């Protein structure tokens, strides 16, 4: 009976030691490097022409808003100039009728 109790206790101790070692993380896993610090968040703006969102530092200012490319800025400003020219010609036509 004593021998049986001895073997049961011995097996329990071995199982406990093996389980304890398996449950602990390896020392290398415990010492992970901290994540790199995030850069300061930057406000986002949308392109007036296409609506794409981009950081404010990358946006190109122009007449009528901010743009993602010089081509979008040029096409928007050309459309604004055409609209202003059309309004001016309508205004001159109305003045000539009176």
Foldseek 3Di string as FASTA:
>chain_A
DVVVVVVVVVVVVVVVVVVVVVPDDDPVVVDDDDDDDDDDDADWDAAPQPRDIDGPVQWPDAPPGTHNDPVSRVVVVVVVVVVVVVVVVVVVVVVVVD
